[in-house]
Structures are given as C-alpha cells and as structure tokens.
Protein backbone atom coordinates (compact mmCIF):
# COMPACT_ATOMS: atom_id res chain seq x y z
CA UNK A 1 9.77 6.98 17.70
CA UNK A 2 11.72 6.86 14.45
CA UNK A 3 11.88 9.74 11.98
CA UNK A 4 12.39 9.98 8.20
CA UNK A 5 13.10 13.36 6.62
CA UNK A 6 12.02 15.00 9.87
CA UNK A 7 8.62 13.27 9.86
CA UNK A 8 7.64 10.62 12.44
CA UNK A 9 7.42 7.01 11.27
CA UNK A 10 4.44 5.22 12.79
CA UNK A 11 4.55 1.50 13.55
CA UNK A 12 2.19 -0.75 11.60
CA UNK A 13 0.46 -3.30 13.82
CA UNK A 14 -1.48 -5.10 11.08
CA UNK A 15 -2.54 -5.02 7.44
CA UNK A 16 -6.31 -5.47 7.57
CA UNK A 17 -7.37 -5.31 3.92
CA UNK A 18 -6.11 -4.34 0.48
CA UNK A 19 -7.30 -3.01 -2.84
CA UNK A 20 -5.77 -2.72 -6.27
CA UNK A 21 -6.11 0.88 -7.42
CA UNK A 22 -6.11 1.44 -11.20
CA UNK A 23 -5.97 4.91 -12.68
CA UNK A 24 -5.26 6.80 -15.87
CA UNK A 25 -3.73 10.25 -15.88
CA UNK A 26 -4.71 12.89 -18.36
CA UNK A 27 -7.37 12.81 -21.03
CA UNK A 28 -5.65 10.56 -23.55
CA UNK A 29 -8.18 7.95 -24.68
CA UNK A 30 -5.75 5.16 -25.46
CA UNK A 31 -3.47 5.71 -22.50
CA UNK A 32 -2.84 2.50 -20.57
CA UNK A 33 -3.91 2.58 -16.90
CA UNK A 34 -1.44 2.35 -14.02
CA UNK A 35 -1.99 0.41 -10.81
CA UNK A 36 -0.79 0.06 -7.24
CA UNK A 37 -1.81 -1.71 -4.05
CA UNK A 38 -3.30 0.17 -1.13
CA UNK A 39 -3.57 -1.37 2.34
CA UNK A 40 -5.86 -0.68 5.28
CA UNK A 41 -3.47 -0.13 8.18
CA UNK A 42 -3.98 -0.74 11.89
CA UNK A 43 -1.40 1.48 13.59
CA UNK A 44 0.34 0.21 16.73
CA UNK A 45 -0.78 2.02 19.92
CA UNK A 46 -3.76 3.65 18.17
CA UNK A 47 -7.46 2.77 18.19
CA UNK A 48 -9.42 1.33 15.26
CA UNK A 49 -10.73 4.86 14.62
CA UNK A 50 -7.25 5.72 13.35
CA UNK A 51 -7.07 2.92 10.77
CA UNK A 52 -6.16 4.39 7.40
CA UNK A 53 -5.71 3.38 3.76
CA UNK A 54 -2.09 3.86 2.66
CA UNK A 55 -0.30 3.26 -0.62
CA UNK A 56 2.29 0.50 -0.48
CA UNK A 57 5.09 2.83 -1.52
CA UNK A 58 4.49 4.98 1.58
CA UNK A 59 4.86 2.09 4.03
CA UNK A 60 8.57 2.27 4.78
CA UNK A 61 8.80 0.18 7.94
CA UNK A 62 6.90 -3.03 7.21
CA UNK A 63 8.29 -4.63 4.04
CA UNK A 64 8.30 -8.11 5.63
CA UNK A 65 4.70 -7.71 6.80
CA UNK A 66 3.63 -6.67 3.28
CA UNK A 67 5.50 -9.60 1.70
CA UNK A 68 3.80 -12.06 4.12
CA UNK A 69 0.37 -10.46 3.55
CA UNK A 70 0.76 -10.70 -0.22
CA UNK A 71 1.82 -14.36 -0.04
CA UNK A 72 -1.07 -15.22 2.30
CA UNK A 73 -3.62 -13.43 0.11
CA UNK A 74 -2.33 -14.51 -3.30
CA UNK A 75 -1.30 -11.02 -4.42
CA UNK A 76 1.29 -11.02 -7.17
CA UNK A 77 3.46 -8.19 -8.39
CA UNK A 78 3.13 -9.49 -11.93
CA UNK A 79 -0.50 -8.30 -11.94
CA UNK A 80 0.59 -4.74 -11.26
CA UNK A 81 3.58 -5.02 -13.60
CA UNK A 82 1.26 -6.13 -16.45
CA UNK A 83 -0.94 -3.08 -15.92
CA UNK A 84 2.01 -0.69 -15.54
CA UNK A 85 4.01 -1.88 -18.57
C-alpha cells in the first residue's frame, strides 16, 4: 500500500459515474457559482458496498483513468473553467 502524508492511498479500480457539482459560497446574491467534477469510485479489492463519491482533486493515483473517462464521456474542462472564471 502507498501512503501520502501518512495516510493510505487506495487503488481505484473503476470510475463508475460522474456529476458536475456547482455551488456558491456565502450569501452574496450576485456571486458566480463554482464547479467541480465528482466521480463514483469502485475501489480495488473492495466490494460494491464500499463505492464512494470523491472529488476529482482528491484522486491522486488515477490521472490517466480520469483523462480516459472524460474523453469517453465527453467531459470538457472548459465547462468547469467557464463556471469558475
């Protein structure tokens, strides 16, 4: 098992689904929303009961898998960039 900052890194077996999460912080009426992708993760060596939604930024060990998933599913970073600008 690999570790990062003393915490175990779990192996991602598959990305099962995704969602675009949009949010606004604070109570400012005209504040522009932010967005990020979240993925439903199937962990290697764990049962389906352990599948979990994780933010993309927290998935440190599967950048290639995420890139392939996004290409296959037509997800584009520009969509998030437009919301976050």
